[in-house]
N, C-alpha and C. Protein backbone atom coordinates (compact mmCIF):
# COMPACT_ATOMS: atom_id res chain seq x y z
N UNK A 1 89.74 36.44 174.74
CA UNK A 1 90.54 34.96 175.28
C UNK A 1 90.69 34.29 173.87
N UNK A 2 91.89 34.18 173.65
CA UNK A 2 92.35 33.54 172.69
C UNK A 2 91.58 32.01 172.21
N UNK A 3 91.33 31.86 171.05
CA UNK A 3 90.75 30.43 170.49
C UNK A 3 91.62 29.82 169.57
N UNK A 4 91.25 28.51 169.55
CA UNK A 4 91.70 27.74 168.24
C UNK A 4 90.63 27.34 167.48
N UNK A 5 90.99 27.57 166.36
CA UNK A 5 89.78 27.19 165.30
C UNK A 5 90.45 25.96 164.36
N UNK A 6 89.50 24.88 164.11
CA UNK A 6 89.97 23.92 163.27
C UNK A 6 88.52 23.91 162.24
N UNK A 7 88.69 23.66 160.88
CA UNK A 7 87.84 23.44 160.11
C UNK A 7 88.38 22.75 158.72
N UNK A 8 87.38 22.23 158.01
CA UNK A 8 87.86 21.51 156.69
C UNK A 8 87.45 22.39 155.79
N UNK A 9 88.20 22.41 154.69
CA UNK A 9 87.88 22.91 153.21
C UNK A 9 87.70 21.89 151.95
N UNK A 10 86.76 21.81 151.30
CA UNK A 10 86.69 20.61 150.34
C UNK A 10 86.05 21.25 148.91
N UNK A 11 86.59 20.53 148.02
CA UNK A 11 85.99 21.22 146.73
C UNK A 11 87.10 22.16 145.88
N UNK A 12 88.26 21.98 146.33
CA UNK A 12 89.45 22.79 145.78
C UNK A 12 90.55 22.21 145.50
N UNK A 13 91.47 22.86 144.48
CA UNK A 13 92.39 22.40 144.34
C UNK A 13 93.72 23.28 145.43
N UNK A 14 94.86 22.64 145.53
CA UNK A 14 96.01 23.32 146.15
C UNK A 14 96.26 24.77 145.29
N UNK A 15 95.94 24.65 144.13
CA UNK A 15 96.29 26.02 143.21
C UNK A 15 95.10 27.03 143.46
N UNK A 16 94.15 26.43 143.92
CA UNK A 16 92.74 27.38 143.92
C UNK A 16 92.97 27.98 145.53
N UNK A 17 93.49 27.17 146.14
CA UNK A 17 93.88 27.66 147.68
C UNK A 17 94.78 28.76 147.76
N UNK A 18 95.75 28.57 146.88
CA UNK A 18 96.93 29.57 146.70
C UNK A 18 96.45 30.81 146.16
N UNK A 19 95.28 30.80 145.06
CA UNK A 19 94.64 32.02 144.72
C UNK A 19 94.12 32.50 145.54
N UNK A 20 93.28 32.00 146.66
CA UNK A 20 92.60 32.66 147.73
C UNK A 20 93.89 33.25 148.78
N UNK A 21 94.96 32.73 148.90
CA UNK A 21 96.11 33.14 149.58
C UNK A 21 96.37 34.27 149.10
N UNK A 22 96.70 34.52 147.69
CA UNK A 22 97.05 35.53 146.95
C UNK A 22 96.02 36.86 147.14
N UNK A 23 94.96 36.56 147.00
CA UNK A 23 93.92 37.55 146.90
C UNK A 23 94.11 38.01 148.53
N UNK A 24 94.05 37.47 149.49
CA UNK A 24 94.10 37.88 150.79
C UNK A 24 95.39 38.53 151.10
N UNK A 25 96.27 38.08 150.63
CA UNK A 25 97.79 39.12 150.69
C UNK A 25 97.61 40.35 149.94
N UNK A 26 97.06 40.30 149.08
CA UNK A 26 96.86 41.47 148.05
C UNK A 26 95.97 42.46 149.09
N UNK A 27 94.80 42.01 149.71
CA UNK A 27 93.94 42.79 150.34
C UNK A 27 94.52 43.68 151.61
N UNK A 28 95.19 42.71 152.10
CA UNK A 28 96.18 43.29 153.26
C UNK A 28 97.06 44.24 152.75
N UNK A 29 97.74 44.08 151.82
CA UNK A 29 98.69 45.29 151.08
C UNK A 29 98.11 46.37 150.83
N UNK A 30 96.76 46.28 150.21
CA UNK A 30 95.93 47.52 149.84
C UNK A 30 95.45 48.32 151.31
N UNK A 31 95.30 47.34 152.29
CA UNK A 31 94.63 47.98 153.41
C UNK A 31 95.97 48.66 154.27
N UNK A 32 96.97 48.26 154.16
CA UNK A 32 98.25 48.38 154.88
C UNK A 32 98.52 48.04 156.42
N UNK A 33 97.69 46.48 156.31
CA UNK A 33 97.68 46.04 157.63
C UNK A 33 97.47 44.15 157.11
N UNK A 34 97.90 43.46 158.29
CA UNK A 34 97.25 42.30 158.04
C UNK A 34 96.07 41.85 157.56
N UNK A 35 95.76 41.20 156.67
CA UNK A 35 94.22 40.98 156.16
C UNK A 35 93.35 40.62 157.07
N UNK A 36 93.93 39.73 157.97
CA UNK A 36 93.08 39.38 159.38
C UNK A 36 93.68 39.57 160.38
N UNK A 37 92.89 40.72 161.03
CA UNK A 37 93.13 41.15 162.35
C UNK A 37 92.76 40.08 163.34
N UNK A 38 93.90 39.93 164.07
CA UNK A 38 93.58 38.85 165.31
C UNK A 38 94.02 37.57 164.96
N UNK A 39 94.64 37.45 163.49
CA UNK A 39 94.85 36.17 163.46
C UNK A 39 96.30 35.87 164.26
N UNK A 40 96.66 34.96 164.97
CA UNK A 40 97.93 34.50 165.69
C UNK A 40 98.90 33.67 164.66
N UNK A 41 98.06 32.53 164.24
CA UNK A 41 98.82 31.27 163.67
C UNK A 41 98.01 30.81 162.57
N UNK A 42 98.35 30.20 161.34
CA UNK A 42 97.64 29.32 160.71
C UNK A 42 98.41 28.37 159.93
N UNK A 43 97.80 27.33 160.02
CA UNK A 43 98.43 26.22 159.33
C UNK A 43 97.25 25.35 158.36
N UNK A 44 97.79 24.97 157.36
CA UNK A 44 96.84 24.32 156.51
C UNK A 44 97.49 22.88 156.27
N UNK A 45 96.74 21.74 156.18
CA UNK A 45 97.21 20.48 156.00
C UNK A 45 96.70 19.54 155.08
N UNK A 46 96.85 18.98 153.95
CA UNK A 46 96.20 18.36 152.88
C UNK A 46 95.61 16.93 153.63
N UNK A 47 94.41 16.62 153.55
CA UNK A 47 93.73 15.33 153.74
C UNK A 47 93.27 14.64 152.43
N UNK A 48 92.82 13.54 152.87
CA UNK A 48 92.22 12.77 151.49
C UNK A 48 91.44 13.29 150.40
N UNK A 49 90.52 14.11 151.01
CA UNK A 49 89.55 14.51 149.91
C UNK A 49 89.30 16.19 150.54
N UNK A 50 89.99 16.73 151.52
CA UNK A 50 90.10 18.06 151.83
C UNK A 50 91.27 18.63 152.57
N UNK A 51 91.08 19.87 153.01
CA UNK A 51 92.19 20.55 153.51
C UNK A 51 91.80 21.03 154.80
N UNK A 52 92.53 20.71 155.88
CA UNK A 52 92.55 20.85 157.26
C UNK A 52 93.21 22.35 157.56
N UNK A 53 92.49 23.21 158.02
CA UNK A 53 92.95 24.53 158.43
C UNK A 53 92.91 24.51 160.07
N UNK A 54 93.96 24.75 160.95
CA UNK A 54 94.21 25.05 162.31
C UNK A 54 94.82 26.33 162.40
N UNK A 55 93.89 27.13 163.22
CA UNK A 55 94.44 28.55 163.27
C UNK A 55 93.88 28.84 164.96
N UNK A 56 95.15 29.91 165.12
CA UNK A 56 94.84 30.50 166.58
C UNK A 56 94.40 32.04 166.47
N UNK A 57 93.39 32.36 167.13
CA UNK A 57 92.79 33.87 167.16
C UNK A 57 92.76 34.40 168.49
N UNK A 58 93.10 35.85 168.44
CA UNK A 58 93.23 36.20 169.52
C UNK A 58 91.76 36.47 170.32
N UNK A 59 90.72 36.54 169.55
CA UNK A 59 89.40 36.37 170.15
C UNK A 59 88.38 35.57 169.19
N UNK A 60 87.41 35.03 169.73
CA UNK A 60 86.64 34.25 168.64
C UNK A 60 85.76 35.15 167.72
N UNK A 61 85.53 36.46 168.21
CA UNK A 61 85.03 37.65 167.36
C UNK A 61 85.96 37.83 166.26
N UNK A 62 86.93 37.87 166.56
CA UNK A 62 87.85 38.36 165.19
C UNK A 62 87.97 37.02 164.27
N UNK A 63 87.96 35.95 164.57
CA UNK A 63 87.66 34.74 163.69
C UNK A 63 86.42 35.08 163.02
N UNK A 64 85.30 35.24 163.93
CA UNK A 64 84.05 35.27 163.24
C UNK A 64 83.87 36.46 162.10
N UNK A 65 84.82 37.77 162.40
CA UNK A 65 84.52 38.59 161.75
C UNK A 65 85.32 38.10 160.25
N UNK A 66 86.58 37.54 160.52
CA UNK A 66 87.52 37.25 159.21
C UNK A 66 86.66 36.14 158.45
N UNK A 67 86.00 35.48 159.01
CA UNK A 67 85.32 34.38 158.20
C UNK A 67 84.05 34.79 157.52
N UNK A 68 83.29 35.68 157.92
CA UNK A 68 82.18 36.24 157.31
C UNK A 68 82.64 37.22 156.28
N UNK A 69 83.60 38.09 156.52
CA UNK A 69 83.66 39.03 155.60
C UNK A 69 84.92 38.86 154.62
N UNK A 70 85.66 37.69 154.90
CA UNK A 70 86.65 37.60 153.83
C UNK A 70 86.82 36.18 153.51
N UNK A 71 87.16 35.23 154.48
CA UNK A 71 87.62 33.90 154.38
C UNK A 71 86.46 33.22 153.50
N UNK A 72 85.43 33.10 154.29
CA UNK A 72 84.22 32.48 153.56
C UNK A 72 83.87 32.78 152.04
N UNK A 73 83.69 34.20 151.64
CA UNK A 73 83.53 34.39 150.49
C UNK A 73 84.71 34.04 149.53
N UNK A 74 85.81 34.59 149.66
CA UNK A 74 86.96 34.16 149.08
C UNK A 74 87.05 32.70 148.77
N UNK A 75 86.91 31.84 149.88
CA UNK A 75 86.90 30.39 149.62
C UNK A 75 85.82 29.98 148.72
N UNK A 76 84.40 30.49 148.72
CA UNK A 76 83.21 30.18 147.97
C UNK A 76 83.55 30.70 146.49
N UNK A 77 84.17 31.49 146.49
CA UNK A 77 84.66 32.23 144.97
C UNK A 77 85.28 31.23 144.18
N UNK A 78 85.72 30.33 144.77
CA UNK A 78 86.73 29.24 144.02
C UNK A 78 85.93 27.91 144.20
N UNK A 79 84.74 28.01 144.64
CA UNK A 79 84.05 26.47 144.72
C UNK A 79 84.38 25.78 145.97
N UNK A 80 85.12 26.31 147.04
CA UNK A 80 85.45 25.88 148.17
C UNK A 80 84.16 25.56 149.30
N UNK A 81 83.96 24.57 150.01
CA UNK A 81 82.82 24.50 150.81
C UNK A 81 83.31 24.43 152.40
N UNK A 82 83.28 25.16 153.23
CA UNK A 82 83.67 25.18 154.58
C UNK A 82 83.21 24.56 155.36
N UNK A 83 83.61 23.45 156.33
CA UNK A 83 82.52 22.41 157.03
C UNK A 83 83.29 22.27 158.46
N UNK A 84 82.89 21.47 159.14
CA UNK A 84 83.22 21.07 160.25
C UNK A 84 83.96 22.12 161.19
N UNK A 85 83.52 23.28 161.32
CA UNK A 85 84.19 24.26 162.24
C UNK A 85 84.06 23.86 163.72
N UNK A 86 85.28 24.00 164.43
CA UNK A 86 85.49 23.68 165.94
C UNK A 86 86.10 24.78 166.42
N UNK A 87 85.43 25.55 167.29
CA UNK A 87 86.29 26.66 168.14
C UNK A 87 86.44 26.32 169.62
N UNK A 88 87.40 26.44 170.09
CA UNK A 88 87.63 26.30 171.61
C UNK A 88 88.71 27.29 172.10
N UNK A 89 88.76 27.28 173.44
CA UNK A 89 89.85 28.28 174.25
C UNK A 89 91.08 27.79 173.97
N UNK A 90 92.15 28.57 173.85
CA UNK A 90 93.74 28.14 173.78
C UNK A 90 94.07 28.10 175.43
N UNK A 91 94.51 26.91 175.90
CA UNK A 91 94.84 26.96 177.32
C UNK A 91 96.41 27.20 177.03
N UNK A 92 97.18 26.75 175.97
CA UNK A 92 98.79 26.99 176.00
C UNK A 92 98.97 27.19 174.66
N UNK A 93 100.02 27.76 174.34
CA UNK A 93 100.82 27.70 173.11
C UNK A 93 101.89 28.31 173.12
N UNK A 94 103.21 27.53 172.35
CA UNK A 94 104.16 28.06 172.22
C UNK A 94 104.84 28.27 170.81
N UNK A 95 105.31 29.60 170.24
CA UNK A 95 105.72 29.47 169.12
C UNK A 95 107.40 29.92 169.41
N UNK A 96 108.10 29.20 169.37
CA UNK A 96 109.57 29.31 169.88
C UNK A 96 110.23 30.25 168.82
N UNK A 97 109.95 30.10 167.34
CA UNK A 97 110.71 31.34 166.63
C UNK A 97 109.95 31.05 165.36
N UNK A 98 110.33 31.87 164.40
CA UNK A 98 109.86 31.86 162.90
C UNK A 98 110.28 30.41 162.17
N UNK A 99 109.08 30.00 161.78
CA UNK A 99 109.25 28.86 161.39
C UNK A 99 108.68 28.83 159.63
């Protein structure tokens, strides 16, 4: 079952988040596949003292694997702290085109 995941990332600059994104993209290119198996959608929004991540994953397990094996270590490497993780089922989702 698809899940929506929301969490906060604190202790980083936009440049450091870009560094994490670049590392992730390079890892995927080296593997010859998307770096996060099961990721459907990801958006990041700045907040006053954090960045809010909202994503949709094909399964909760896919998110857990990505978080434990890549995302959390990559964020920790630049001094980021992940908090307030909320996971819930997706009831409806529409992506009308490439944005």
